[in-house]
All heavy atoms as atom14 arrays in JSON, in Angstrom:
{
  "sequence": "QDIAAARVATWDVKYLGKKNIALLYSEDEWGNQCMTYYKAQVERLGG",
  "atom14_mask": [
    [1, 1, 1, 1, 1, 1, 1, 1, 1, 0, 0, 0, 0, 0],
    [1, 1, 1, 1, 1, 1, 1, 1, 0, 0, 0, 0, 0, 0],
    [1, 1, 1, 1, 1, 1, 1, 1, 0, 0, 0, 0, 0, 0],
    [1, 1, 1, 1, 1, 0, 0, 0, 0, 0, 0, 0, 0, 0],
    [1, 1, 1, 1, 1, 0, 0, 0, 0, 0, 0, 0, 0, 0],
    [1, 1, 1, 1, 1, 0, 0, 0, 0, 0, 0, 0, 0, 0],
    [1, 1, 1, 1, 1, 1, 1, 1, 1, 1, 1, 0, 0, 0],
    [1, 1, 1, 1, 1, 1, 1, 0, 0, 0, 0, 0, 0, 0],
    [1, 1, 1, 1, 1, 0, 0, 0, 0, 0, 0, 0, 0, 0],
    [1, 1, 1, 1, 1, 1, 1, 0, 0, 0, 0, 0, 0, 0],
    [1, 1, 1, 1, 1, 1, 1, 1, 1, 1, 1, 1, 1, 1],
    [1, 1, 1, 1, 1, 1, 1, 1, 0, 0, 0, 0, 0, 0],
    [1, 1, 1, 1, 1, 1, 1, 0, 0, 0, 0, 0, 0, 0],
    [1, 1, 1, 1, 1, 1, 1, 1, 1, 0, 0, 0, 0, 0],
    [1, 1, 1, 1, 1, 1, 1, 1, 1, 1, 1, 1, 0, 0],
    [1, 1, 1, 1, 1, 1, 1, 1, 0, 0, 0, 0, 0, 0],
    [1, 1, 1, 1, 0, 0, 0, 0, 0, 0, 0, 0, 0, 0],
    [1, 1, 1, 1, 1, 1, 1, 1, 1, 0, 0, 0, 0, 0],
    [1, 1, 1, 1, 1, 1, 1, 1, 1, 0, 0, 0, 0, 0],
    [1, 1, 1, 1, 1, 1, 1, 1, 0, 0, 0, 0, 0, 0],
    [1, 1, 1, 1, 1, 1, 1, 1, 0, 0, 0, 0, 0, 0],
    [1, 1, 1, 1, 1, 0, 0, 0, 0, 0, 0, 0, 0, 0],
    [1, 1, 1, 1, 1, 1, 1, 1, 0, 0, 0, 0, 0, 0],
    [1, 1, 1, 1, 1, 1, 1, 1, 0, 0, 0, 0, 0, 0],
    [1, 1, 1, 1, 1, 1, 1, 1, 1, 1, 1, 1, 0, 0],
    [1, 1, 1, 1, 1, 1, 0, 0, 0, 0, 0, 0, 0, 0],
    [1, 1, 1, 1, 1, 1, 1, 1, 1, 0, 0, 0, 0, 0],
    [1, 1, 1, 1, 1, 1, 1, 1, 0, 0, 0, 0, 0, 0],
    [1, 1, 1, 1, 1, 1, 1, 1, 1, 0, 0, 0, 0, 0],
    [1, 1, 1, 1, 1, 1, 1, 1, 1, 1, 1, 1, 1, 1],
    [1, 1, 1, 1, 0, 0, 0, 0, 0, 0, 0, 0, 0, 0],
    [1, 1, 1, 1, 1, 1, 1, 1, 0, 0, 0, 0, 0, 0],
    [1, 1, 1, 1, 1, 1, 1, 1, 1, 0, 0, 0, 0, 0],
    [1, 1, 1, 1, 1, 1, 0, 0, 0, 0, 0, 0, 0, 0],
    [1, 1, 1, 1, 1, 1, 1, 1, 0, 0, 0, 0, 0, 0],
    [1, 1, 1, 1, 1, 1, 1, 0, 0, 0, 0, 0, 0, 0],
    [1, 1, 1, 1, 1, 1, 1, 1, 1, 1, 1, 1, 0, 0],
    [1, 1, 1, 1, 1, 1, 1, 1, 1, 1, 1, 1, 0, 0],
    [1, 1, 1, 1, 1, 1, 1, 1, 1, 0, 0, 0, 0, 0],
    [1, 1, 1, 1, 1, 0, 0, 0, 0, 0, 0, 0, 0, 0],
    [1, 1, 1, 1, 1, 1, 1, 1, 1, 0, 0, 0, 0, 0],
    [1, 1, 1, 1, 1, 1, 1, 0, 0, 0, 0, 0, 0, 0],
    [1, 1, 1, 1, 1, 1, 1, 1, 1, 0, 0, 0, 0, 0],
    [1, 1, 1, 1, 1, 1, 1, 1, 1, 1, 1, 0, 0, 0],
    [1, 1, 1, 1, 1, 1, 1, 1, 0, 0, 0, 0, 0, 0],
    [1, 1, 1, 1, 0, 0, 0, 0, 0, 0, 0, 0, 0, 0],
    [1, 1, 1, 1, 0, 0, 0, 0, 0, 0, 0, 0, 0, 0]
  ],
  "atom14_positions": [
    [[0.77, -16.14, -12.64], [0.61, -14.82, -13.23], [-0.14, -14.82, -14.57], [-0.79, -13.83, -14.91], [1.98, -14.15, -13.41], [2.57, -13.64, -12.11], [1.66, -12.66, -11.4], [0.94, -11.89, -12.02], [1.68, -12.71, -10.09], [0.0, 0.0, 0.0], [0.0, 0.0, 0.0], [0.0, 0.0, 0.0], [0.0, 0.0, 0.0], [0.0, 0.0, 0.0]],
    [[-0.06, -15.92, -15.32], [-0.8, -15.95, -16.58], [-2.31, -15.85, -16.33], [-3.06, -15.37, -17.19], [-0.47, -17.22, -17.37], [-0.62, -18.47, -16.53], [-0.45, -18.42, -15.3], [-0.9, -19.54, -17.1], [0.0, 0.0, 0.0], [0.0, 0.0, 0.0], [0.0, 0.0, 0.0], [0.0, 0.0, 0.0], [0.0, 0.0, 0.0], [0.0, 0.0, 0.0]],
    [[-2.75, -16.27, -15.16], [-4.16, -16.16, -14.8], [-4.42, -14.89, -13.99], [-5.35, -14.13, -14.28], [-4.61, -17.39, -13.98], [-4.46, -18.66, -14.82], [-6.04, -17.24, -13.49], [-4.71, -19.93, -14.06], [0.0, 0.0, 0.0], [0.0, 0.0, 0.0], [0.0, 0.0, 0.0], [0.0, 0.0, 0.0], [0.0, 0.0, 0.0], [0.0, 0.0, 0.0]],
    [[-3.59, -14.64, -12.97], [-3.83, -13.52, -12.06], [-3.75, -12.17, -12.76], [-4.64, -11.32, -12.6], [-2.82, -13.57, -10.91], [0.0, 0.0, 0.0], [0.0, 0.0, 0.0], [0.0, 0.0, 0.0], [0.0, 0.0, 0.0], [0.0, 0.0, 0.0], [0.0, 0.0, 0.0], [0.0, 0.0, 0.0], [0.0, 0.0, 0.0], [0.0, 0.0, 0.0]],
    [[-2.68, -11.94, -13.53], [-2.53, -10.65, -14.2], [-3.62, -10.45, -15.26], [-4.13, -9.33, -15.44], [-1.15, -10.55, -14.85], [0.0, 0.0, 0.0], [0.0, 0.0, 0.0], [0.0, 0.0, 0.0], [0.0, 0.0, 0.0], [0.0, 0.0, 0.0], [0.0, 0.0, 0.0], [0.0, 0.0, 0.0], [0.0, 0.0, 0.0], [0.0, 0.0, 0.0]],
    [[-4.0, -11.53, -15.93], [-5.07, -11.43, -16.93], [-6.41, -11.1, -16.28], [-7.22, -10.37, -16.85], [-5.16, -12.74, -17.72], [0.0, 0.0, 0.0], [0.0, 0.0, 0.0], [0.0, 0.0, 0.0], [0.0, 0.0, 0.0], [0.0, 0.0, 0.0], [0.0, 0.0, 0.0], [0.0, 0.0, 0.0], [0.0, 0.0, 0.0], [0.0, 0.0, 0.0]],
    [[-6.64, -11.62, -15.08], [-7.89, -11.33, -14.36], [-7.96, -9.86, -13.96], [-9.01, -9.23, -14.04], [-8.01, -12.22, -13.13], [-8.41, -13.66, -13.44], [-8.3, -14.54, -12.22], [-9.2, -14.12, -11.16], [-10.43, -14.59, -10.98], [-10.91, -15.5, -11.81], [-11.19, -14.17, -9.99], [0.0, 0.0, 0.0], [0.0, 0.0, 0.0], [0.0, 0.0, 0.0]],
    [[-6.82, -9.31, -13.53], [-6.78, -7.89, -13.16], [-7.05, -7.03, -14.39], [-7.82, -6.05, -14.34], [-5.42, -7.53, -12.53], [-5.34, -6.02, -12.29], [-5.22, -8.29, -11.23], [0.0, 0.0, 0.0], [0.0, 0.0, 0.0], [0.0, 0.0, 0.0], [0.0, 0.0, 0.0], [0.0, 0.0, 0.0], [0.0, 0.0, 0.0], [0.0, 0.0, 0.0]],
    [[-6.45, -7.39, -15.51], [-6.67, -6.63, -16.76], [-8.14, -6.69, -17.18], [-8.72, -5.69, -17.61], [-5.78, -7.19, -17.86], [0.0, 0.0, 0.0], [0.0, 0.0, 0.0], [0.0, 0.0, 0.0], [0.0, 0.0, 0.0], [0.0, 0.0, 0.0], [0.0, 0.0, 0.0], [0.0, 0.0, 0.0], [0.0, 0.0, 0.0], [0.0, 0.0, 0.0]],
    [[-8.74, -7.86, -17.05], [-10.15, -8.02, -17.4], [-11.03, -7.14, -16.52], [-11.99, -6.5, -16.99], [-10.58, -9.49, -17.26], [-9.77, -10.3, -18.12], [-12.04, -9.68, -17.63], [0.0, 0.0, 0.0], [0.0, 0.0, 0.0], [0.0, 0.0, 0.0], [0.0, 0.0, 0.0], [0.0, 0.0, 0.0], [0.0, 0.0, 0.0], [0.0, 0.0, 0.0]],
    [[-10.72, -7.1, -15.23], [-11.45, -6.24, -14.29], [-11.33, -4.78, -14.69], [-12.33, -4.04, -14.72], [-10.9, -6.46, -12.88], [-11.5, -5.58, -11.82], [-11.08, -4.33, -11.45], [-12.65, -5.87, -11.02], [-11.87, -3.83, -10.45], [-12.85, -4.76, -10.16], [-13.5, -6.95, -10.92], [-13.88, -4.7, -9.23], [-14.53, -6.9, -9.99], [-14.72, -5.79, -9.16]],
    [[-10.1, -4.34, -15.02], [-9.87, -2.93, -15.36], [-10.63, -2.52, -16.62], [-11.22, -1.43, -16.68], [-8.37, -2.68, -15.55], [-7.6, -2.8, -14.25], [-8.24, -2.78, -13.18], [-6.36, -2.92, -14.31], [0.0, 0.0, 0.0], [0.0, 0.0, 0.0], [0.0, 0.0, 0.0], [0.0, 0.0, 0.0], [0.0, 0.0, 0.0], [0.0, 0.0, 0.0]],
    [[-10.61, -3.38, -17.63], [-11.21, -3.02, -18.93], [-12.72, -3.25, -18.93], [-13.49, -2.36, -19.32], [-10.54, -3.81, -20.07], [-11.24, -3.52, -21.4], [-9.06, -3.46, -20.16], [0.0, 0.0, 0.0], [0.0, 0.0, 0.0], [0.0, 0.0, 0.0], [0.0, 0.0, 0.0], [0.0, 0.0, 0.0], [0.0, 0.0, 0.0], [0.0, 0.0, 0.0]],
    [[-13.16, -4.4, -18.49], [-14.58, -4.75, -18.64], [-15.44, -4.23, -17.49], [-16.58, -3.8, -17.7], [-14.72, -6.27, -18.75], [-13.98, -6.85, -19.95], [-14.49, -8.22, -20.33], [-15.85, -8.13, -21.0], [-16.3, -9.44, -21.54], [0.0, 0.0, 0.0], [0.0, 0.0, 0.0], [0.0, 0.0, 0.0], [0.0, 0.0, 0.0], [0.0, 0.0, 0.0]],
    [[-14.93, -4.29, -16.24], [-15.74, -3.85, -15.1], [-15.6, -2.35, -14.85], [-16.59, -1.63, -14.73], [-15.37, -4.62, -13.84], [-16.19, -4.23, -12.64], [-17.49, -4.72, -12.48], [-15.68, -3.36, -11.68], [-18.25, -4.35, -11.38], [-16.45, -2.99, -10.58], [-17.72, -3.49, -10.44], [-18.48, -3.11, -9.35], [0.0, 0.0, 0.0], [0.0, 0.0, 0.0]],
    [[-14.34, -1.86, -14.81], [-14.13, -0.44, -14.57], [-14.32, 0.4, -15.83], [-14.47, 1.62, -15.76], [-12.73, -0.2, -14.01], [-12.42, -0.86, -12.66], [-10.99, -0.54, -12.23], [-13.41, -0.4, -11.58], [0.0, 0.0, 0.0], [0.0, 0.0, 0.0], [0.0, 0.0, 0.0], [0.0, 0.0, 0.0], [0.0, 0.0, 0.0], [0.0, 0.0, 0.0]],
    [[-14.29, -0.26, -17.0], [-14.52, 0.45, -18.25], [-13.35, 1.31, -18.71], [-13.54, 2.26, -19.47], [0.0, 0.0, 0.0], [0.0, 0.0, 0.0], [0.0, 0.0, 0.0], [0.0, 0.0, 0.0], [0.0, 0.0, 0.0], [0.0, 0.0, 0.0], [0.0, 0.0, 0.0], [0.0, 0.0, 0.0], [0.0, 0.0, 0.0], [0.0, 0.0, 0.0]],
    [[-12.13, 0.99, -18.27], [-10.97, 1.78, -18.66], [-10.38, 1.25, -19.97], [-10.09, 0.08, -20.09], [-9.9, 1.72, -17.56], [-10.39, 2.16, -16.19], [-10.88, 3.58, -16.18], [-11.34, 4.0, -14.8], [-11.86, 5.4, -14.79], [0.0, 0.0, 0.0], [0.0, 0.0, 0.0], [0.0, 0.0, 0.0], [0.0, 0.0, 0.0], [0.0, 0.0, 0.0]],
    [[-10.22, 2.14, -20.92], [-9.71, 1.74, -22.24], [-8.27, 2.2, -22.46], [-7.51, 1.56, -23.19], [-10.61, 2.31, -23.34], [-12.04, 1.79, -23.3], [-12.08, 0.28, -23.53], [-13.52, -0.23, -23.57], [-13.58, -1.7, -23.75], [0.0, 0.0, 0.0], [0.0, 0.0, 0.0], [0.0, 0.0, 0.0], [0.0, 0.0, 0.0], [0.0, 0.0, 0.0]],
    [[-7.89, 3.33, -21.88], [-6.52, 3.84, -21.99], [-5.83, 3.7, -20.64], [-6.23, 4.35, -19.66], [-6.52, 5.31, -22.43], [-7.12, 5.47, -23.82], [-6.78, 4.72, -24.73], [-8.01, 6.44, -23.98], [0.0, 0.0, 0.0], [0.0, 0.0, 0.0], [0.0, 0.0, 0.0], [0.0, 0.0, 0.0], [0.0, 0.0, 0.0], [0.0, 0.0, 0.0]],
    [[-4.81, 2.87, -20.59], [-4.2, 2.5, -19.31], [-2.7, 2.73, -19.34], [-2.03, 2.43, -20.34], [-4.48, 1.02, -19.0], [-5.99, 0.79, -18.89], [-3.76, 0.56, -17.73], [-6.38, -0.68, -18.78], [0.0, 0.0, 0.0], [0.0, 0.0, 0.0], [0.0, 0.0, 0.0], [0.0, 0.0, 0.0], [0.0, 0.0, 0.0], [0.0, 0.0, 0.0]],
    [[-2.17, 3.29, -18.26], [-0.73, 3.4, -18.08], [-0.32, 2.33, -17.07], [-0.91, 2.22, -16.0], [-0.36, 4.79, -17.56], [0.0, 0.0, 0.0], [0.0, 0.0, 0.0], [0.0, 0.0, 0.0], [0.0, 0.0, 0.0], [0.0, 0.0, 0.0], [0.0, 0.0, 0.0], [0.0, 0.0, 0.0], [0.0, 0.0, 0.0], [0.0, 0.0, 0.0]],
    [[0.69, 1.57, -17.41], [1.11, 0.44, -16.58], [2.48, 0.71, -15.97], [3.44, 1.0, -16.67], [1.16, -0.84, -17.42], [1.64, -2.11, -16.72], [0.72, -2.48, -15.56], [1.71, -3.26, -17.71], [0.0, 0.0, 0.0], [0.0, 0.0, 0.0], [0.0, 0.0, 0.0], [0.0, 0.0, 0.0], [0.0, 0.0, 0.0], [0.0, 0.0, 0.0]],
    [[2.57, 0.61, -14.66], [3.82, 0.8, -13.93], [4.14, -0.52, -13.22], [3.33, -1.04, -12.45], [3.65, 1.93, -12.9], [4.85, 2.31, -12.05], [5.99, 2.8, -12.92], [4.46, 3.36, -11.01], [0.0, 0.0, 0.0], [0.0, 0.0, 0.0], [0.0, 0.0, 0.0], [0.0, 0.0, 0.0], [0.0, 0.0, 0.0], [0.0, 0.0, 0.0]],
    [[5.31, -1.09, -13.5], [5.64, -2.41, -12.95], [7.08, -2.47, -12.45], [7.93, -1.69, -12.87], [5.41, -3.49, -14.02], [6.38, -3.46, -15.17], [7.51, -4.28, -15.19], [6.18, -2.59, -16.24], [8.41, -4.24, -16.25], [7.07, -2.54, -17.3], [8.18, -3.37, -17.3], [9.07, -3.32, -18.33], [0.0, 0.0, 0.0], [0.0, 0.0, 0.0]],
    [[7.35, -3.39, -11.54], [8.69, -3.54, -10.97], [9.6, -4.27, -11.94], [9.2, -5.24, -12.58], [8.62, -4.29, -9.64], [8.03, -5.56, -9.81], [0.0, 0.0, 0.0], [0.0, 0.0, 0.0], [0.0, 0.0, 0.0], [0.0, 0.0, 0.0], [0.0, 0.0, 0.0], [0.0, 0.0, 0.0], [0.0, 0.0, 0.0], [0.0, 0.0, 0.0]],
    [[10.85, -3.82, -12.02], [11.81, -4.39, -12.96], [12.46, -5.63, -12.34], [13.62, -5.61, -11.9], [12.87, -3.35, -13.32], [13.83, -3.79, -14.42], [13.14, -4.18, -15.7], [12.55, -3.29, -16.35], [13.19, -5.37, -16.04], [0.0, 0.0, 0.0], [0.0, 0.0, 0.0], [0.0, 0.0, 0.0], [0.0, 0.0, 0.0], [0.0, 0.0, 0.0]],
    [[11.71, -6.71, -12.26], [12.22, -8.0, -11.8], [11.39, -9.08, -12.49], [10.49, -8.79, -13.29], [12.16, -8.12, -10.28], [10.77, -7.83, -9.71], [9.77, -8.01, -10.43], [10.69, -7.44, -8.53], [0.0, 0.0, 0.0], [0.0, 0.0, 0.0], [0.0, 0.0, 0.0], [0.0, 0.0, 0.0], [0.0, 0.0, 0.0], [0.0, 0.0, 0.0]],
    [[11.7, -10.35, -12.2], [11.02, -11.44, -12.9], [9.52, -11.43, -12.64], [8.72, -11.63, -13.54], [11.61, -12.78, -12.49], [11.09, -13.95, -13.31], [11.82, -15.24, -13.02], [12.54, -15.31, -12.02], [11.68, -16.19, -13.82], [0.0, 0.0, 0.0], [0.0, 0.0, 0.0], [0.0, 0.0, 0.0], [0.0, 0.0, 0.0], [0.0, 0.0, 0.0]],
    [[9.14, -11.19, -11.38], [7.72, -11.14, -11.04], [7.03, -10.0, -11.79], [5.96, -10.18, -12.39], [7.55, -10.97, -9.53], [6.11, -10.88, -9.09], [5.26, -11.92, -8.86], [5.36, -9.68, -8.85], [4.01, -11.44, -8.49], [4.06, -10.07, -8.48], [5.67, -8.32, -8.92], [3.06, -9.15, -8.17], [4.68, -7.4, -8.61], [3.38, -7.82, -8.24]],
    [[7.63, -8.81, -11.75], [7.04, -7.66, -12.41], [6.94, -7.83, -13.91], [5.94, -7.44, -14.54], [0.0, 0.0, 0.0], [0.0, 0.0, 0.0], [0.0, 0.0, 0.0], [0.0, 0.0, 0.0], [0.0, 0.0, 0.0], [0.0, 0.0, 0.0], [0.0, 0.0, 0.0], [0.0, 0.0, 0.0], [0.0, 0.0, 0.0], [0.0, 0.0, 0.0]],
    [[7.96, -8.4, -14.51], [7.96, -8.62, -15.95], [6.86, -9.6, -16.38], [6.23, -9.42, -17.43], [9.32, -9.12, -16.42], [10.32, -8.0, -16.6], [10.17, -7.14, -17.46], [11.35, -7.99, -15.77], [0.0, 0.0, 0.0], [0.0, 0.0, 0.0], [0.0, 0.0, 0.0], [0.0, 0.0, 0.0], [0.0, 0.0, 0.0], [0.0, 0.0, 0.0]],
    [[6.63, -10.64, -15.56], [5.55, -11.57, -15.87], [4.19, -10.88, -15.75], [3.31, -11.07, -16.6], [5.6, -12.79, -14.95], [6.57, -13.85, -15.4], [6.05, -15.26, -15.14], [5.24, -15.49, -14.26], [6.51, -16.2, -15.93], [0.0, 0.0, 0.0], [0.0, 0.0, 0.0], [0.0, 0.0, 0.0], [0.0, 0.0, 0.0], [0.0, 0.0, 0.0]],
    [[4.02, -10.1, -14.69], [2.77, -9.35, -14.53], [2.51, -8.47, -15.75], [1.4, -8.43, -16.29], [2.84, -8.47, -13.28], [2.77, -9.36, -11.72], [0.0, 0.0, 0.0], [0.0, 0.0, 0.0], [0.0, 0.0, 0.0], [0.0, 0.0, 0.0], [0.0, 0.0, 0.0], [0.0, 0.0, 0.0], [0.0, 0.0, 0.0], [0.0, 0.0, 0.0]],
    [[3.54, -7.72, -16.16], [3.41, -6.81, -17.3], [3.04, -7.56, -18.57], [2.14, -7.15, -19.32], [4.72, -6.05, -17.47], [4.71, -5.05, -18.64], [5.2, -5.8, -20.23], [6.92, -6.18, -19.89], [0.0, 0.0, 0.0], [0.0, 0.0, 0.0], [0.0, 0.0, 0.0], [0.0, 0.0, 0.0], [0.0, 0.0, 0.0], [0.0, 0.0, 0.0]],
    [[3.73, -8.68, -18.83], [3.52, -9.44, -20.07], [2.08, -9.92, -20.2], [1.43, -9.72, -21.24], [4.48, -10.64, -20.13], [5.83, -10.15, -20.14], [4.23, -11.46, -21.39], [0.0, 0.0, 0.0], [0.0, 0.0, 0.0], [0.0, 0.0, 0.0], [0.0, 0.0, 0.0], [0.0, 0.0, 0.0], [0.0, 0.0, 0.0], [0.0, 0.0, 0.0]],
    [[1.56, -10.55, -19.15], [0.22, -11.13, -19.22], [-0.87, -10.06, -19.09], [-1.94, -10.17, -19.71], [0.05, -12.2, -18.15], [0.89, -13.42, -18.42], [2.01, -13.71, -17.63], [0.62, -14.26, -19.49], [2.79, -14.82, -17.9], [1.4, -15.38, -19.76], [2.48, -15.64, -18.97], [3.26, -16.74, -19.23], [0.0, 0.0, 0.0], [0.0, 0.0, 0.0]],
    [[-0.6, -9.0, -18.32], [-1.57, -7.9, -18.22], [-1.71, -7.21, -19.57], [-2.81, -6.97, -20.05], [-1.1, -6.91, -17.15], [-2.07, -5.77, -16.92], [-3.05, -5.85, -15.93], [-2.0, -4.61, -17.68], [-3.93, -4.8, -15.71], [-2.88, -3.56, -17.47], [-3.84, -3.66, -16.5], [-4.73, -2.63, -16.29], [0.0, 0.0, 0.0], [0.0, 0.0, 0.0]],
    [[-0.58, -6.87, -20.18], [-0.57, -6.17, -21.46], [-1.29, -6.98, -22.54], [-2.12, -6.44, -23.3], [0.88, -5.91, -21.89], [1.05, -5.17, -23.22], [2.54, -4.9, -23.44], [2.76, -4.13, -24.76], [2.47, -4.96, -25.94], [0.0, 0.0, 0.0], [0.0, 0.0, 0.0], [0.0, 0.0, 0.0], [0.0, 0.0, 0.0], [0.0, 0.0, 0.0]],
    [[-1.02, -8.28, -22.59], [-1.64, -9.13, -23.6], [-3.16, -9.16, -23.45], [-3.9, -9.11, -24.44], [-1.07, -10.54, -23.52], [0.0, 0.0, 0.0], [0.0, 0.0, 0.0], [0.0, 0.0, 0.0], [0.0, 0.0, 0.0], [0.0, 0.0, 0.0], [0.0, 0.0, 0.0], [0.0, 0.0, 0.0], [0.0, 0.0, 0.0], [0.0, 0.0, 0.0]],
    [[-3.63, -9.22, -22.2], [-5.08, -9.29, -21.97], [-5.77, -7.97, -22.26], [-6.87, -7.95, -22.83], [-5.36, -9.73, -20.53], [-6.83, -9.9, -20.19], [-7.48, -11.08, -20.9], [-6.86, -11.74, -21.74], [-8.72, -11.36, -20.57], [0.0, 0.0, 0.0], [0.0, 0.0, 0.0], [0.0, 0.0, 0.0], [0.0, 0.0, 0.0], [0.0, 0.0, 0.0]],
    [[-5.13, -6.84, -21.9], [-5.71, -5.53, -22.2], [-5.89, -5.37, -23.71], [-6.96, -4.96, -24.19], [-4.81, -4.4, -21.66], [-5.22, -3.05, -22.25], [-4.92, -4.33, -20.14], [0.0, 0.0, 0.0], [0.0, 0.0, 0.0], [0.0, 0.0, 0.0], [0.0, 0.0, 0.0], [0.0, 0.0, 0.0], [0.0, 0.0, 0.0], [0.0, 0.0, 0.0]],
    [[-4.87, -5.72, -24.46], [-4.94, -5.6, -25.92], [-5.96, -6.58, -26.51], [-6.65, -6.25, -27.48], [-3.56, -5.82, -26.52], [-2.57, -4.71, -26.13], [-1.16, -4.99, -26.58], [-0.87, -6.16, -26.97], [-0.32, -4.06, -26.54], [0.0, 0.0, 0.0], [0.0, 0.0, 0.0], [0.0, 0.0, 0.0], [0.0, 0.0, 0.0], [0.0, 0.0, 0.0]],
    [[-6.08, -7.75, -25.91], [-7.05, -8.74, -26.38], [-8.48, -8.24, -26.19], [-9.37, -8.54, -26.99], [-6.86, -10.05, -25.62], [-7.67, -11.23, -26.15], [-7.38, -12.5, -25.38], [-6.01, -12.92, -25.52], [-5.12, -12.97, -24.53], [-5.49, -12.65, -23.29], [-3.89, -13.36, -24.76], [0.0, 0.0, 0.0], [0.0, 0.0, 0.0], [0.0, 0.0, 0.0]],
    [[-8.69, -7.43, -25.16], [-10.03, -6.91, -24.86], [-10.3, -5.56, -25.54], [-11.34, -4.95, -25.3], [-10.21, -6.77, -23.35], [-10.17, -8.09, -22.56], [-10.2, -7.81, -21.06], [-11.33, -8.99, -22.95], [0.0, 0.0, 0.0], [0.0, 0.0, 0.0], [0.0, 0.0, 0.0], [0.0, 0.0, 0.0], [0.0, 0.0, 0.0], [0.0, 0.0, 0.0]],
    [[-9.37, -5.1, -26.36], [-9.58, -3.86, -27.1], [-9.11, -2.61, -26.4], [-9.38, -1.49, -26.85], [0.0, 0.0, 0.0], [0.0, 0.0, 0.0], [0.0, 0.0, 0.0], [0.0, 0.0, 0.0], [0.0, 0.0, 0.0], [0.0, 0.0, 0.0], [0.0, 0.0, 0.0], [0.0, 0.0, 0.0], [0.0, 0.0, 0.0], [0.0, 0.0, 0.0]],
    [[-8.39, -2.77, -25.26], [-7.85, -1.61, -24.56], [-6.52, -1.18, -25.14], [-5.95, -1.85, -26.01], [0.0, 0.0, 0.0], [0.0, 0.0, 0.0], [0.0, 0.0, 0.0], [0.0, 0.0, 0.0], [0.0, 0.0, 0.0], [0.0, 0.0, 0.0], [0.0, 0.0, 0.0], [0.0, 0.0, 0.0], [0.0, 0.0, 0.0], [0.0, 0.0, 0.0]]
  ]
}
């Protein structure tokens, strides 16, 4: 997930050009990992 979720975030911000994003995730270990790494990458890219 540290790679997969970050790749999705990069696609959303850099390819789709989305800067303001609402994130909906499942409340379990898998969902929490997705959220953590996705959120970090979005913020790293200026989203």
